[in-house]
Amino acid sequence: MEELKTCYTLGEALKLYALYSMDLDVERMKIEEIDERGSSRWRG
């Protein structure tokens, strides 16, 4: 297994984690929105 070549400070790592977490939230919200649209079509 290869080790990371780049070292990050704690602040940088926390920012990267925050961006990653926000990206996951956005994707989850998109999926929920698509699900809501799809289920509303079936209800009529």
N, C-alpha and C. Protein backbone atom coordinates (compact mmCIF):
# COMPACT_ATOMS: atom_id res chain seq x y z
N MET A 1 0.84 -1.18 0.00
CA MET A 1 0.00 0.00 0.00
C MET A 1 0.89 1.25 0.00
N GLU A 2 0.52 2.23 -0.82
CA GLU A 2 1.31 3.44 -0.92
C GLU A 2 0.91 4.45 0.14
N GLU A 3 1.89 5.09 0.71
CA GLU A 3 1.58 6.14 1.68
C GLU A 3 1.30 7.44 0.95
N LEU A 4 0.59 8.35 1.62
CA LEU A 4 0.34 9.65 1.03
C LEU A 4 1.65 10.41 0.88
N LYS A 5 1.79 11.08 -0.24
CA LYS A 5 3.00 11.85 -0.49
C LYS A 5 2.88 13.27 0.08
N THR A 6 1.66 13.73 0.28
CA THR A 6 1.41 15.08 0.75
C THR A 6 1.03 15.07 2.22
N CYS A 7 1.61 15.96 2.98
CA CYS A 7 1.25 16.11 4.39
C CYS A 7 0.37 17.35 4.54
N TYR A 8 -0.65 17.25 5.36
CA TYR A 8 -1.56 18.37 5.59
C TYR A 8 -1.48 18.80 7.05
N THR A 9 -1.65 20.09 7.26
CA THR A 9 -1.76 20.57 8.64
C THR A 9 -3.14 20.18 9.16
N LEU A 10 -3.32 20.28 10.45
CA LEU A 10 -4.62 19.95 11.03
C LEU A 10 -5.71 20.85 10.45
N GLY A 11 -5.42 22.13 10.31
CA GLY A 11 -6.40 23.06 9.76
C GLY A 11 -6.80 22.70 8.34
N GLU A 12 -5.81 22.34 7.53
CA GLU A 12 -6.10 21.94 6.15
C GLU A 12 -6.92 20.66 6.11
N ALA A 13 -6.55 19.71 6.96
CA ALA A 13 -7.27 18.44 7.00
C ALA A 13 -8.72 18.66 7.43
N LEU A 14 -8.94 19.54 8.40
CA LEU A 14 -10.31 19.83 8.85
C LEU A 14 -11.13 20.50 7.75
N LYS A 15 -10.50 21.39 6.99
CA LYS A 15 -11.19 22.04 5.87
C LYS A 15 -11.56 21.02 4.81
N LEU A 16 -10.63 20.13 4.50
CA LEU A 16 -10.91 19.09 3.50
C LEU A 16 -12.05 18.19 3.97
N TYR A 17 -12.05 17.83 5.25
CA TYR A 17 -13.11 17.00 5.79
C TYR A 17 -14.46 17.73 5.73
N ALA A 18 -14.46 19.03 6.04
CA ALA A 18 -15.69 19.81 5.99
C ALA A 18 -16.23 19.86 4.56
N LEU A 19 -15.36 20.06 3.58
CA LEU A 19 -15.79 20.09 2.19
C LEU A 19 -16.35 18.73 1.76
N TYR A 20 -15.68 17.67 2.17
CA TYR A 20 -16.14 16.32 1.86
C TYR A 20 -17.51 16.06 2.49
N SER A 21 -17.67 16.47 3.73
CA SER A 21 -18.93 16.28 4.43
C SER A 21 -20.06 17.07 3.76
N MET A 22 -19.77 18.31 3.36
CA MET A 22 -20.78 19.12 2.68
C MET A 22 -21.16 18.49 1.35
N ASP A 23 -20.18 17.95 0.64
CA ASP A 23 -20.46 17.30 -0.64
C ASP A 23 -21.39 16.11 -0.45
N LEU A 24 -21.15 15.32 0.60
CA LEU A 24 -22.03 14.18 0.89
C LEU A 24 -23.44 14.66 1.20
N ASP A 25 -23.56 15.75 1.96
CA ASP A 25 -24.87 16.29 2.30
C ASP A 25 -25.62 16.74 1.05
N VAL A 26 -24.91 17.40 0.14
CA VAL A 26 -25.53 17.88 -1.11
C VAL A 26 -26.03 16.69 -1.93
N GLU A 27 -25.20 15.66 -2.05
CA GLU A 27 -25.60 14.47 -2.80
C GLU A 27 -26.82 13.81 -2.16
N ARG A 28 -26.83 13.71 -0.83
CA ARG A 28 -27.96 13.10 -0.13
C ARG A 28 -29.23 13.91 -0.36
N MET A 29 -29.12 15.24 -0.32
CA MET A 29 -30.28 16.09 -0.53
C MET A 29 -30.81 15.96 -1.95
N LYS A 30 -29.91 15.84 -2.94
CA LYS A 30 -30.33 15.65 -4.32
C LYS A 30 -31.11 14.35 -4.47
N ILE A 31 -30.60 13.29 -3.85
CA ILE A 31 -31.28 11.99 -3.93
C ILE A 31 -32.65 12.07 -3.27
N GLU A 32 -32.74 12.72 -2.11
CA GLU A 32 -34.03 12.86 -1.43
C GLU A 32 -35.00 13.65 -2.28
N GLU A 33 -34.52 14.71 -2.94
CA GLU A 33 -35.38 15.52 -3.80
C GLU A 33 -35.90 14.71 -4.98
N ILE A 34 -35.03 13.92 -5.58
CA ILE A 34 -35.44 13.06 -6.70
C ILE A 34 -36.47 12.05 -6.23
N ASP A 35 -36.24 11.46 -5.05
CA ASP A 35 -37.19 10.49 -4.49
C ASP A 35 -38.55 11.14 -4.24
N GLU A 36 -38.54 12.37 -3.71
CA GLU A 36 -39.81 13.07 -3.43
C GLU A 36 -40.56 13.35 -4.72
N ARG A 37 -39.84 13.77 -5.75
CA ARG A 37 -40.49 14.04 -7.03
C ARG A 37 -41.10 12.77 -7.61
N GLY A 38 -40.34 11.69 -7.52
CA GLY A 38 -40.82 10.41 -8.06
C GLY A 38 -42.02 9.89 -7.31
N SER A 39 -42.02 10.00 -5.99
CA SER A 39 -43.14 9.48 -5.21
C SER A 39 -44.37 10.35 -5.37
N SER A 40 -44.20 11.65 -5.61
CA SER A 40 -45.36 12.52 -5.80
C SER A 40 -46.06 12.23 -7.13
N ARG A 41 -45.30 11.77 -8.12
CA ARG A 41 -45.91 11.43 -9.41
C ARG A 41 -46.78 10.20 -9.28
N TRP A 42 -46.37 9.26 -8.44
CA TRP A 42 -47.14 8.03 -8.27
C TRP A 42 -48.42 8.29 -7.47
N ARG A 43 -48.42 9.29 -6.62
CA ARG A 43 -49.61 9.59 -5.81
C ARG A 43 -50.71 10.21 -6.65
N GLY A 44 -50.29 10.88 -7.73
CA GLY A 44 -51.27 11.47 -8.62
C GLY A 44 -51.58 12.82 -8.18
